[in-house]
C-alpha atoms as a PDB file:
ATOM      1  CA  MET A   1      58.844  60.454 137.760  1.00  0.00           C
ATOM      2  CA  SER A   2      60.384  63.195 139.951  1.00  0.00           C
ATOM      3  CA  GLU A   3      58.264  65.934 141.542  1.00  0.00           C
ATOM      4  CA  THR A   4      59.843  68.504 139.205  1.00  0.00           C
ATOM      5  CA  GLU A   5      58.909  66.387 136.193  1.00  0.00           C
ATOM      6  CA  ASP A   6      55.436  65.990 137.652  1.00  0.00           C
ATOM      7  CA  LEU A   7      54.966  69.774 137.784  1.00  0.00           C
ATOM      8  CA  VAL A   8      55.747  69.946 134.072  1.00  0.00           C
ATOM      9  CA  ALA A   9      53.882  66.836 132.967  1.00  0.00           C
ATOM     10  CA  ASN A  10      50.737  67.915 134.809  1.00  0.00           C
ATOM     11  CA  SER A  11      50.882  71.654 134.044  1.00  0.00           C
ATOM     12  CA  SER A  12      47.358  71.391 132.605  1.00  0.00           C
ATOM     13  CA  ALA A  13      45.988  69.579 135.665  1.00  0.00           C
ATOM     14  CA  PRO A  14      44.845  71.238 138.914  1.00  0.00           C
ATOM     15  CA  ILE A  15      47.268  71.380 141.839  1.00  0.00           C
ATOM     16  CA  ALA A  16      45.871  69.390 144.762  1.00  0.00           C
ATOM     17  CA  ALA A  17      45.295  71.492 147.869  1.00  0.00           C
ATOM     18  CA  ASP A  18      46.341  70.297 151.308  1.00  0.00           C
ATOM     19  CA  ASP A  19      43.276  71.098 153.421  1.00  0.00           C
ATOM     20  CA  ASN A  20      44.864  69.580 156.533  1.00  0.00           C
ATOM     21  CA  TYR A  21      47.966  71.765 156.447  1.00  0.00           C
ATOM     22  CA  GLU A  22      48.546  73.444 159.812  1.00  0.00           C
ATOM     23  CA  SER A  23      52.226  73.741 160.602  1.00  0.00           C
ATOM     24  CA  GLY A  24      54.675  76.117 158.945  1.00  0.00           C
ATOM     25  CA  ILE A  25      57.560  75.117 156.719  1.00  0.00           C
ATOM     26  CA  GLU A  26      61.179  75.757 157.610  1.00  0.00           C
ATOM     27  CA  ASN A  27      62.842  77.807 155.005  1.00  0.00           C
ATOM     28  CA  THR A  28      65.196  75.503 154.371  1.00  0.00           C
ATOM     29  CA  SER A  29      86.571  94.931 133.454  1.00  0.00           C
ATOM     30  CA  LEU A  30      84.167  95.101 136.562  1.00  0.00           C
ATOM     31  CA  ALA A  31      82.270  96.546 139.506  1.00  0.00           C
ATOM     32  CA  SER A  32      85.382  95.910 141.584  1.00  0.00           C
ATOM     33  CA  SER A  33      88.583  97.621 142.660  1.00  0.00           C
ATOM     34  CA  THR A  34      89.894  97.322 139.078  1.00  0.00           C
ATOM     35  CA  GLN A  35      87.093  99.478 137.653  1.00  0.00           C
ATOM     36  CA  SER A  36      86.654 103.177 138.258  1.00  0.00           C
ATOM     37  CA  LEU A  37      82.960 103.939 138.728  1.00  0.00           C
ATOM     38  CA  THR A  38      81.687 107.487 138.436  1.00  0.00           C
ATOM     39  CA  GLU A  39      79.359 109.027 140.990  1.00  0.00           C
ATOM     40  CA  SER A  40      76.515 108.923 138.472  1.00  0.00           C
ATOM     41  CA  VAL A  41      76.881 105.173 138.083  1.00  0.00           C
ATOM     42  CA  LEU A  42      76.737 104.664 141.835  1.00  0.00           C
ATOM     43  CA  SER A  43      73.961 107.195 142.544  1.00  0.00           C
ATOM     44  CA  HIS A  44      70.502 106.243 143.717  1.00  0.00           C
ATOM     45  CA  VAL A  45      67.111 107.840 144.195  1.00  0.00           C
ATOM     46  CA  TYR A  46      64.765 107.176 147.104  1.00  0.00           C
ATOM     47  CA  GLU A  47      61.012 106.912 146.685  1.00  0.00           C
ATOM     48  CA  ASN A  48      58.266 105.657 148.985  1.00  0.00           C
ATOM     49  CA  GLY A  49      60.822 104.228 151.379  1.00  0.00           C
ATOM     50  CA  ARG A  50      62.708 102.197 148.738  1.00  0.00           C
ATOM     51  CA  ARG A  51      66.027 102.771 146.942  1.00  0.00           C
ATOM     52  CA  TYR A  52      66.207 102.735 143.140  1.00  0.00           C
ATOM     53  CA  HIS A  53      69.307 102.992 141.004  1.00  0.00           C
ATOM     54  CA  SER A  54      69.311 106.331 139.187  1.00  0.00           C
ATOM     55  CA  LYS A  55      70.393 104.813 135.858  1.00  0.00           C
ATOM     56  CA  SER A  56      67.368 102.492 135.992  1.00  0.00           C
ATOM     57  CA  VAL A  57      64.733 105.213 136.287  1.00  0.00           C
ATOM     58  CA  GLY A  58      62.400 104.877 133.313  1.00  0.00           C
ATOM     59  CA  ARG A  59      64.075 101.597 132.309  1.00  0.00           C
ATOM     60  CA  TYR A  60      63.590  99.236 135.253  1.00  0.00           C
ATOM     61  CA  PHE A  61      60.969  99.734 137.945  1.00  0.00           C
ATOM     62  CA  LEU A  62      62.135  97.505 140.780  1.00  0.00           C
ATOM     63  CA  PRO A  63      64.279  98.741 143.682  1.00  0.00           C
ATOM     64  CA  THR A  64      67.928  97.824 144.211  1.00  0.00           C
ATOM     65  CA  ASP A  65      68.188  98.127 147.997  1.00  0.00           C
ATOM     66  CA  GLU A  66      69.267  95.406 150.403  1.00  0.00           C
ATOM     67  CA  THR A  67      65.694  94.215 150.896  1.00  0.00           C
ATOM     68  CA  GLU A  68      65.347  93.590 147.167  1.00  0.00           C
ATOM     69  CA  GLN A  69      68.750  91.928 146.958  1.00  0.00           C
ATOM     70  CA  ASP A  70      67.690  89.488 149.675  1.00  0.00           C
ATOM     71  CA  ARG A  71      64.488  88.762 147.750  1.00  0.00           C
ATOM     72  CA  LEU A  72      66.389  88.116 144.515  1.00  0.00           C
ATOM     73  CA  ASP A  73      68.661  85.653 146.281  1.00  0.00           C
ATOM     74  CA  MET A  74      65.606  83.868 147.712  1.00  0.00           C
ATOM     75  CA  TYR A  75      64.097  83.696 144.227  1.00  0.00           C
ATOM     76  CA  HIS A  76      67.360  82.109 143.062  1.00  0.00           C
ATOM     77  CA  HIS A  77      66.867  79.447 145.728  1.00  0.00           C
ATOM     78  CA  MET A  78      63.302  78.888 144.520  1.00  0.00           C
ATOM     79  CA  MET A  79      64.542  78.374 140.956  1.00  0.00           C
ATOM     80  CA  LEU A  80      67.106  75.839 142.167  1.00  0.00           C
ATOM     81  CA  GLU A  81      64.303  73.949 143.906  1.00  0.00           C
ATOM     82  CA  LEU A  82      62.195  74.052 140.743  1.00  0.00           C
ATOM     83  CA  LEU A  83      64.993  72.736 138.527  1.00  0.00           C
ATOM     84  CA  GLY A  84      66.022  69.951 140.875  1.00  0.00           C
ATOM     85  CA  GLY A  85      69.073  71.778 142.215  1.00  0.00           C
ATOM     86  CA  LYS A  86      70.483  72.555 138.761  1.00  0.00           C
ATOM     87  CA  LEU A  87      71.702  76.009 137.759  1.00  0.00           C
ATOM     88  CA  SER A  88      71.304  75.186 134.086  1.00  0.00           C
ATOM     89  CA  LEU A  89      69.593  72.580 131.933  1.00  0.00           C
ATOM     90  CA  ALA A  90      71.722  73.299 128.845  1.00  0.00           C
ATOM     91  CA  PRO A  91      73.247  69.959 127.777  1.00  0.00           C
ATOM     92  CA  PHE A  92      76.997  70.643 127.844  1.00  0.00           C
ATOM     93  CA  ASP A  93      79.406  67.717 128.181  1.00  0.00           C
ATOM     94  CA  LYS A  94      82.172  70.053 129.405  1.00  0.00           C
ATOM     95  CA  ASP A  95      82.481  73.531 130.855  1.00  0.00           C
ATOM     96  CA  PRO A  96      81.382  76.107 128.247  1.00  0.00           C
ATOM     97  CA  GLY A  97      84.090  78.624 127.412  1.00  0.00           C
ATOM     98  CA  PHE A  98      82.313  81.979 127.757  1.00  0.00           C
ATOM     99  CA  VAL A  99      79.010  82.442 129.599  1.00  0.00           C
ATOM    100  CA  LEU A 100      76.825  85.563 129.753  1.00  0.00           C
ATOM    101  CA  ASP A 101      74.271  86.236 132.502  1.00  0.00           C
ATOM    102  CA  CYS A 102      71.904  88.989 131.305  1.00  0.00           C
ATOM    103  CA  GLY A 103      70.413  91.049 134.130  1.00  0.00           C
ATOM    104  CA  THR A 104      72.670  89.409 136.693  1.00  0.00           C
ATOM    105  CA  GLY A 105      71.228  91.334 139.679  1.00  0.00           C
ATOM    106  CA  THR A 106      73.142  90.341 142.804  1.00  0.00           C
ATOM    107  CA  GLY A 107      75.308  88.075 140.643  1.00  0.00           C
ATOM    108  CA  ILE A 108      74.343  84.949 142.567  1.00  0.00           C
ATOM    109  CA  TRP A 109      73.664  82.784 139.492  1.00  0.00           C
ATOM    110  CA  ALA A 110      76.892  83.905 137.806  1.00  0.00           C
ATOM    111  CA  LEU A 111      78.939  83.227 140.936  1.00  0.00           C
ATOM    112  CA  ASP A 112      77.386  79.799 141.509  1.00  0.00           C
ATOM    113  CA  TYR A 113      77.854  78.831 137.861  1.00  0.00           C
ATOM    114  CA  ALA A 114      81.488  79.980 137.836  1.00  0.00           C
ATOM    115  CA  ASP A 115      82.170  78.029 141.017  1.00  0.00           C
ATOM    116  CA  LEU A 116      80.771  74.820 139.512  1.00  0.00           C
ATOM    117  CA  HIS A 117      82.424  75.390 136.108  1.00  0.00           C
ATOM    118  CA  PRO A 118      85.977  76.621 136.806  1.00  0.00           C
ATOM    119  CA  ALA A 119      86.992  76.339 133.126  1.00  0.00           C
ATOM    120  CA  SER A 120      84.252  78.828 132.132  1.00  0.00           C
ATOM    121  CA  VAL A 121      84.539  82.623 132.117  1.00  0.00           C
ATOM    122  CA  VAL A 122      81.229  84.085 133.292  1.00  0.00           C
ATOM    123  CA  TYR A 123      80.164  87.653 132.513  1.00  0.00           C
ATOM    124  CA  GLY A 124      77.332  89.193 134.545  1.00  0.00           C
ATOM    125  CA  ILE A 125      75.709  92.320 133.078  1.00  0.00           C
ATOM    126  CA  ASP A 126      73.315  94.671 134.853  1.00  0.00           C
ATOM    127  CA  LEU A 127      72.299  98.320 135.008  1.00  0.00           C
ATOM    128  CA  ALA A 128      72.886  98.586 138.756  1.00  0.00           C
ATOM    129  CA  PRO A 129      76.182  97.959 140.601  1.00  0.00           C
ATOM    130  CA  ILE A 130      74.821  95.640 143.312  1.00  0.00           C
ATOM    131  CA  GLN A 131      77.235  92.768 142.679  1.00  0.00           C
ATOM    132  CA  PRO A 132      80.028  91.885 145.126  1.00  0.00           C
ATOM    133  CA  SER A 133      83.481  93.378 144.581  1.00  0.00           C
ATOM    134  CA  TYR A 134      85.447  90.260 145.498  1.00  0.00           C
ATOM    135  CA  VAL A 135      84.624  87.425 143.139  1.00  0.00           C
ATOM    136  CA  PHE A 136      86.033  84.229 141.673  1.00  0.00           C
ATOM    137  CA  PRO A 137      88.814  84.840 139.142  1.00  0.00           C
ATOM    138  CA  ASN A 138      86.605  83.528 136.308  1.00  0.00           C
ATOM    139  CA  VAL A 139      83.775  86.033 136.945  1.00  0.00           C
ATOM    140  CA  ARG A 140      83.444  89.440 135.276  1.00  0.00           C
ATOM    141  CA  PHE A 141      80.736  91.869 136.374  1.00  0.00           C
ATOM    142  CA  GLU A 142      80.054  94.801 134.065  1.00  0.00           C
ATOM    143  CA  LEU A 143      77.516  97.630 134.026  1.00  0.00           C
ATOM    144  CA  ASP A 144      75.625  98.100 130.790  1.00  0.00           C
ATOM    145  CA  ASP A 145      72.203  98.495 129.192  1.00  0.00           C
ATOM    146  CA  LEU A 146      71.436  95.262 127.346  1.00  0.00           C
ATOM    147  CA  GLU A 147      68.955  97.011 125.055  1.00  0.00           C
ATOM    148  CA  LYS A 148      71.748  99.057 123.515  1.00  0.00           C
ATOM    149  CA  ASP A 149      74.179  97.655 120.921  1.00  0.00           C
ATOM    150  CA  TRP A 150      76.229  94.831 122.397  1.00  0.00           C
ATOM    151  CA  THR A 151      79.974  95.396 122.126  1.00  0.00           C
ATOM    152  CA  PHE A 152      81.435  92.247 123.686  1.00  0.00           C
ATOM    153  CA  ARG A 153      84.818  91.190 122.275  1.00  0.00           C
ATOM    154  CA  ASP A 154      84.038  87.527 122.904  1.00  0.00           C
ATOM    155  CA  LYS A 155      81.241  85.304 121.690  1.00  0.00           C
ATOM    156  CA  PHE A 156      79.480  83.073 124.168  1.00  0.00           C
ATOM    157  CA  ASP A 157      78.648  79.393 124.478  1.00  0.00           C
ATOM    158  CA  LEU A 158      75.804  79.961 126.953  1.00  0.00           C
ATOM    159  CA  ILE A 159      73.610  83.023 127.498  1.00  0.00           C
ATOM    160  CA  HIS A 160      71.410  82.889 130.587  1.00  0.00           C
ATOM    161  CA  THR A 161      68.623  85.306 131.499  1.00  0.00           C
ATOM    162  CA  ARG A 162      65.668  85.306 133.838  1.00  0.00           C
ATOM    163  CA  LEU A 163      63.077  87.773 135.155  1.00  0.00           C
ATOM    164  CA  MET A 164      63.744  90.304 132.404  1.00  0.00           C
ATOM    165  CA  SER A 165      60.108  91.034 131.498  1.00  0.00           C
ATOM    166  CA  THR A 166      60.280  94.121 133.707  1.00  0.00           C
ATOM    167  CA  GLY A 167      63.309  95.472 131.853  1.00  0.00           C
ATOM    168  CA  ILE A 168      63.233  94.525 128.156  1.00  0.00           C
ATOM    169  CA  LYS A 169      61.080  96.563 125.770  1.00  0.00           C
ATOM    170  CA  ASN A 170      62.289  95.175 122.433  1.00  0.00           C
ATOM    171  CA  TRP A 171      62.372  91.406 122.776  1.00  0.00           C
ATOM    172  CA  PRO A 172      63.028  90.567 119.084  1.00  0.00           C
ATOM    173  CA  ARG A 173      66.138  92.766 119.103  1.00  0.00           C
ATOM    174  CA  PHE A 174      67.235  91.338 122.466  1.00  0.00           C
ATOM    175  CA  PHE A 175      67.008  87.776 121.156  1.00  0.00           C
ATOM    176  CA  GLN A 176      68.678  88.752 117.880  1.00  0.00           C
ATOM    177  CA  GLN A 177      71.673  90.173 119.752  1.00  0.00           C
ATOM    178  CA  MET A 178      71.857  86.927 121.717  1.00  0.00           C
ATOM    179  CA  TYR A 179      71.961  85.029 118.435  1.00  0.00           C
ATOM    180  CA  ASP A 180      74.650  87.297 116.985  1.00  0.00           C
ATOM    181  CA  PHE A 181      76.899  86.948 120.052  1.00  0.00           C
ATOM    182  CA  LEU A 182      76.463  83.197 120.502  1.00  0.00           C
ATOM    183  CA  ASN A 183      78.861  80.663 119.044  1.00  0.00           C
ATOM    184  CA  PRO A 184      77.348  78.073 116.677  1.00  0.00           C
ATOM    185  CA  GLY A 185      76.032  75.201 118.762  1.00  0.00           C
ATOM    186  CA  GLY A 186      75.701  77.465 121.809  1.00  0.00           C
ATOM    187  CA  TYR A 187      72.630  77.711 124.022  1.00  0.00           C
ATOM    188  CA  VAL A 188      70.264  80.357 125.356  1.00  0.00           C
ATOM    189  CA  GLU A 189      68.550  79.596 128.650  1.00  0.00           C
ATOM    190  CA  PHE A 190      65.557  81.775 129.459  1.00  0.00           C
ATOM    191  CA  SER A 191      63.282  81.843 132.537  1.00  0.00           C
ATOM    192  CA  ASP A 192      60.347  84.114 133.257  1.00  0.00           C
ATOM    193  CA  HIS A 193      56.732  84.024 134.341  1.00  0.00           C
ATOM    194  CA  ASP A 194      53.260  85.051 133.259  1.00  0.00           C
ATOM    195  CA  TYR A 195      51.954  88.541 134.061  1.00  0.00           C
ATOM    196  CA  ASN A 196      48.552  87.949 132.462  1.00  0.00           C
ATOM    197  CA  GLY A 197      46.906  87.229 135.787  1.00  0.00           C
ATOM    198  CA  VAL A 198      46.643  85.001 138.834  1.00  0.00           C
ATOM    199  CA  LEU A 199      44.964  81.642 138.231  1.00  0.00           C
ATOM    200  CA  CYS A 200      42.877  79.233 140.296  1.00  0.00           C
ATOM    201  CA  ASP A 201      41.434  75.827 139.395  1.00  0.00           C
ATOM    202  CA  ASN A 202      39.087  75.060 142.287  1.00  0.00           C
ATOM    203  CA  GLY A 203      36.917  78.151 142.719  1.00  0.00           C
ATOM    204  CA  THR A 204      38.565  79.400 145.921  1.00  0.00           C
ATOM    205  CA  MET A 205      39.590  82.730 144.337  1.00  0.00           C
ATOM    206  CA  PRO A 206      36.687  85.211 143.948  1.00  0.00           C
ATOM    207  CA  ASP A 207      36.592  87.663 141.047  1.00  0.00           C
ATOM    208  CA  ASP A 208      37.113  90.605 143.411  1.00  0.00           C
ATOM    209  CA  THR A 209      40.314  89.179 144.901  1.00  0.00           C
ATOM    210  CA  PRO A 210      43.026  91.797 145.566  1.00  0.00           C
ATOM    211  CA  TYR A 211      45.295  89.742 143.308  1.00  0.00           C
ATOM    212  CA  ASN A 212      43.216  90.632 140.247  1.00  0.00           C
ATOM    213  CA  ARG A 213      43.225  94.358 140.976  1.00  0.00           C
ATOM    214  CA  TYR A 214      46.964  94.342 141.670  1.00  0.00           C
ATOM    215  CA  MET A 215      47.806  92.454 138.468  1.00  0.00           C
ATOM    216  CA  ALA A 216      45.488  94.557 136.300  1.00  0.00           C
ATOM    217  CA  LEU A 217      46.934  97.856 137.528  1.00  0.00           C
ATOM    218  CA  MET A 218      50.533  96.672 137.392  1.00  0.00           C
ATOM    219  CA  SER A 219      50.267  95.149 133.907  1.00  0.00           C
ATOM    220  CA  LYS A 220      48.531  98.269 132.572  1.00  0.00           C
ATOM    221  CA  SER A 221      51.287 100.449 134.058  1.00  0.00           C
ATOM    222  CA  MET A 222      54.012  98.249 132.582  1.00  0.00           C
ATOM    223  CA  ALA A 223      52.397  98.492 129.139  1.00  0.00           C
ATOM    224  CA  GLU A 224      52.212 102.283 129.425  1.00  0.00           C
ATOM    225  CA  ASN A 225      55.978 102.279 130.000  1.00  0.00           C
ATOM    226  CA  GLY A 226      56.715 100.354 126.814  1.00  0.00           C
ATOM    227  CA  LEU A 227      56.961  96.890 128.363  1.00  0.00           C
ATOM    228  CA  ASN A 228      54.845  93.932 127.276  1.00  0.00           C
ATOM    229  CA  PRO A 229      53.420  92.097 130.302  1.00  0.00           C
ATOM    230  CA  TYR A 230      51.024  90.041 128.163  1.00  0.00           C
ATOM    231  CA  LEU A 231      53.602  87.789 126.474  1.00  0.00           C
ATOM    232  CA  THR A 232      53.128  84.028 126.811  1.00  0.00           C
ATOM    233  CA  LEU A 233      55.384  81.000 126.511  1.00  0.00           C
ATOM    234  CA  LYS A 234      54.259  80.663 122.898  1.00  0.00           C
ATOM    235  CA  ASP A 235      55.255  84.273 122.195  1.00  0.00           C
ATOM    236  CA  TYR A 236      58.759  83.825 123.615  1.00  0.00           C
ATOM    237  CA  THR A 237      59.424  80.563 121.777  1.00  0.00           C
ATOM    238  CA  LYS A 238      58.235  82.139 118.517  1.00  0.00           C
ATOM    239  CA  MET A 239      60.538  85.159 118.948  1.00  0.00           C
ATOM    240  CA  LEU A 240      63.479  82.865 119.670  1.00  0.00           C
ATOM    241  CA  SER A 241      62.654  80.793 116.587  1.00  0.00           C
ATOM    242  CA  ASP A 242      62.299  83.951 114.472  1.00  0.00           C
ATOM    243  CA  ALA A 243      65.788  84.990 115.625  1.00  0.00           C
ATOM    244  CA  GLY A 244      67.153  81.697 114.235  1.00  0.00           C
ATOM    245  CA  PHE A 245      67.220  79.479 117.319  1.00  0.00           C
ATOM    246  CA  GLU A 246      66.146  75.869 117.545  1.00  0.00           C
ATOM    247  CA  ILE A 247      63.949  75.253 120.591  1.00  0.00           C
ATOM    248  CA  VAL A 248      65.539  72.377 122.525  1.00  0.00           C
ATOM    249  CA  LYS A 249      63.208  72.332 125.509  1.00  0.00           C
ATOM    250  CA  SER A 250      60.195  74.411 126.524  1.00  0.00           C
ATOM    251  CA  LEU A 251      58.926  73.859 130.059  1.00  0.00           C
ATOM    252  CA  GLU A 252      55.828  75.335 131.692  1.00  0.00           C
ATOM    253  CA  PHE A 253      55.300  75.033 135.438  1.00  0.00           C
ATOM    254  CA  LYS A 254      52.355  75.752 137.692  1.00  0.00           C
ATOM    255  CA  MET A 255      53.875  77.844 140.494  1.00  0.00           C
ATOM    256  CA  PRO A 256      51.733  77.794 143.672  1.00  0.00           C
ATOM    257  CA  MET A 257      51.314  81.084 145.537  1.00  0.00           C
ATOM    258  CA  GLY A 258      51.604  80.056 149.155  1.00  0.00           C
ATOM    259  CA  ALA A 259      51.959  76.750 151.009  1.00  0.00           C
ATOM    260  CA  TRP A 260      48.440  75.523 150.239  1.00  0.00           C
ATOM    261  CA  PRO A 261      49.159  72.506 147.939  1.00  0.00           C
ATOM    262  CA  LYS A 262      49.601  68.870 148.827  1.00  0.00           C
ATOM    263  CA  GLY A 263      52.966  67.298 148.088  1.00  0.00           C
ATOM    264  CA  ARG A 264      56.320  68.158 149.633  1.00  0.00           C
ATOM    265  CA  LYS A 265      57.801  69.912 146.612  1.00  0.00           C
ATOM    266  CA  ALA A 266      54.753  71.964 145.632  1.00  0.00           C
ATOM    267  CA  LYS A 267      54.145  72.961 149.259  1.00  0.00           C
ATOM    268  CA  TYR A 268      57.764  73.998 149.767  1.00  0.00           C
ATOM    269  CA  MET A 269      57.835  75.923 146.481  1.00  0.00           C
ATOM    270  CA  GLY A 270      54.687  77.778 147.533  1.00  0.00           C
ATOM    271  CA  ALA A 271      56.140  78.572 150.947  1.00  0.00           C
ATOM    272  CA  VAL A 272      59.338  79.975 149.444  1.00  0.00           C
ATOM    273  CA  TYR A 273      57.298  81.986 146.946  1.00  0.00           C
ATOM    274  CA  ALA A 274      55.284  83.485 149.819  1.00  0.00           C
ATOM    275  CA  GLU A 275      58.428  84.416 151.737  1.00  0.00           C
ATOM    276  CA  GLN A 276      59.986  86.256 148.802  1.00  0.00           C
ATOM    277  CA  ALA A 277      56.624  87.821 147.918  1.00  0.00           C
ATOM    278  CA  LYS A 278      56.461  89.477 151.349  1.00  0.00           C
ATOM    279  CA  THR A 279      58.573  92.188 149.744  1.00  0.00           C
ATOM    280  CA  GLY A 280      58.034  91.131 146.125  1.00  0.00           C
ATOM    281  CA  PHE A 281      54.538  92.606 145.781  1.00  0.00           C
ATOM    282  CA  GLU A 282      55.935  95.950 146.872  1.00  0.00           C
ATOM    283  CA  ALA A 283      59.078  95.628 144.751  1.00  0.00           C
ATOM    284  CA  TYR A 284      57.176  94.879 141.554  1.00  0.00           C
ATOM    285  CA  GLY A 285      54.217  97.155 142.098  1.00  0.00           C
ATOM    286  CA  LYS A 286      54.866 100.089 144.432  1.00  0.00           C
ATOM    287  CA  SER A 287      56.498 102.466 141.961  1.00  0.00           C
ATOM    288  CA  LEU A 288      54.157 101.531 139.113  1.00  0.00           C
ATOM    289  CA  LEU A 289      50.971 101.634 141.195  1.00  0.00           C
ATOM    290  CA  VAL A 290      51.777 105.090 142.561  1.00  0.00           C
ATOM    291  CA  ASN A 291      53.391 106.722 139.528  1.00  0.00           C
ATOM    292  CA  GLN A 292      51.306 105.198 136.729  1.00  0.00           C
ATOM    293  CA  GLY A 293      48.456 103.268 138.351  1.00  0.00           C
ATOM    294  CA  GLY A 294      46.766 106.295 139.893  1.00  0.00           C
ATOM    295  CA  LEU A 295      46.888 105.068 143.497  1.00  0.00           C
ATOM    296  CA  SER A 296      47.994 107.092 146.470  1.00  0.00           C
ATOM    297  CA  VAL A 297      50.838 105.719 148.562  1.00  0.00           C
ATOM    298  CA  GLU A 298      48.307 104.659 151.193  1.00  0.00           C
ATOM    299  CA  GLU A 299      46.066 102.925 148.630  1.00  0.00           C
ATOM    300  CA  ALA A 300      49.037 101.110 147.119  1.00  0.00           C
ATOM    301  CA  ASP A 301      50.237  99.988 150.554  1.00  0.00           C
ATOM    302  CA  LYS A 302      46.790  98.628 151.405  1.00  0.00           C
ATOM    303  CA  LEU A 303      46.469  96.698 148.133  1.00  0.00           C
ATOM    304  CA  ILE A 304      49.966  95.247 148.518  1.00  0.00           C
ATOM    305  CA  GLY A 305      49.270  94.346 152.153  1.00  0.00           C
ATOM    306  CA  ASP A 306      46.010  92.619 151.225  1.00  0.00           C
ATOM    307  CA  CYS A 307      47.834  90.480 148.634  1.00  0.00           C
ATOM    308  CA  VAL A 308      50.531  89.472 151.118  1.00  0.00           C
ATOM    309  CA  LYS A 309      47.939  88.514 153.757  1.00  0.00           C
ATOM    310  CA  LEU A 310      46.207  86.220 151.262  1.00  0.00           C
ATOM    311  CA  LEU A 311      49.442  84.324 150.618  1.00  0.00           C
ATOM    312  CA  PHE A 312      49.728  83.249 154.229  1.00  0.00           C
ATOM    313  CA  ALA A 313      45.997  82.709 154.827  1.00  0.00           C
ATOM    314  CA  ARG A 314      46.102  79.890 152.216  1.00  0.00           C
ATOM    315  CA  THR A 315      42.359  80.277 151.605  1.00  0.00           C
ATOM    316  CA  GLN A 316      42.718  81.151 147.910  1.00  0.00           C
ATOM    317  CA  HIS A 317      44.439  78.312 146.043  1.00  0.00           C
ATOM    318  CA  THR A 318      46.182  80.427 143.426  1.00  0.00           C
ATOM    319  CA  TYR A 319      49.110  79.931 141.098  1.00  0.00           C
ATOM    320  CA  TYR A 320      50.836  81.444 138.091  1.00  0.00           C
ATOM    321  CA  PHE A 321      52.721  79.949 135.155  1.00  0.00           C
ATOM    322  CA  GLY A 322      56.511  79.924 135.115  1.00  0.00           C
ATOM    323  CA  TRP A 323      58.559  79.147 132.001  1.00  0.00           C
ATOM    324  CA  HIS A 324      61.995  77.757 131.307  1.00  0.00           C
ATOM    325  CA  ILE A 325      63.225  77.613 127.704  1.00  0.00           C
ATOM    326  CA  ILE A 326      66.449  76.172 126.295  1.00  0.00           C
ATOM    327  CA  ALA A 327      67.226  77.208 122.707  1.00  0.00           C
ATOM    328  CA  ARG A 328      70.217  76.378 120.537  1.00  0.00           C
ATOM    329  CA  LYS A 329      72.009  78.255 117.763  1.00  0.00           C
ATOM    330  CA  PRO A 330      72.493  75.834 114.834  1.00  0.00           C
ATOM    331  CA  GLU A 331      76.009  74.672 114.068  1.00  0.00           C
END
């Protein structure tokens, strides 16, 4: 059994902590010249030292600056590690014709997938124009709001999306539009993680941990903005089934927060998580904590800083649940 399979098979079992760990871990139609973008599309707002895309205000609460783009690319690396180096687990025996990447961000997944599948045409959709201008000939980056009516001329064989819990307010409609724009026999591949709270199996996390206060304030603020941070794996699979999909595979992973576990893979995953969370706690929470959570900038900075320090102290053996779902539209 591989270490990735072990994370899934033992998702109900505690992660073993490495109490002898001392050394660090090496961290191993388009937004291009062919598309005319208006100043409003390219405009940004600056708040608390971070840059946010103006079209995302009220819709998406994470920044779009270079610091966040670097973090998103590191998260992409973490997902590759989790899935054994695979970009997709959808069981195609040849390159799918048309592929859609919802919330493409920096476009790194779309670019990697197009490179490995030259016979596919990959569309990457996002609110913010942070994708590269020079791309492979089989990649199309477009700017759009995926919660509005989809108007694609083509239907897709694979629709990929991850980390959209901070941007989608109407999940049943989102999944229904996926179903409507997917060819029969096509696949949806969905990845996200739990916002219900930080977990610990061995009693090393006290009730007054900064993690709990951060998660409670952030989740409450998300809910006040029309998002649903309390969805679970069961909720997502049910909504996909209600939209007409057959669930092919539903995976749940324990994702360690920091390099505290035993085992090469779990330790490395935790170390990469900690590196991207250096800026991730601020990216996810700063705007919400200040604008909706009732904290001052200084209070938010302290809470975020306390959470980051805990990651690298490795004294609280915490984790969260990550999910990866593959669903199929019937023939």
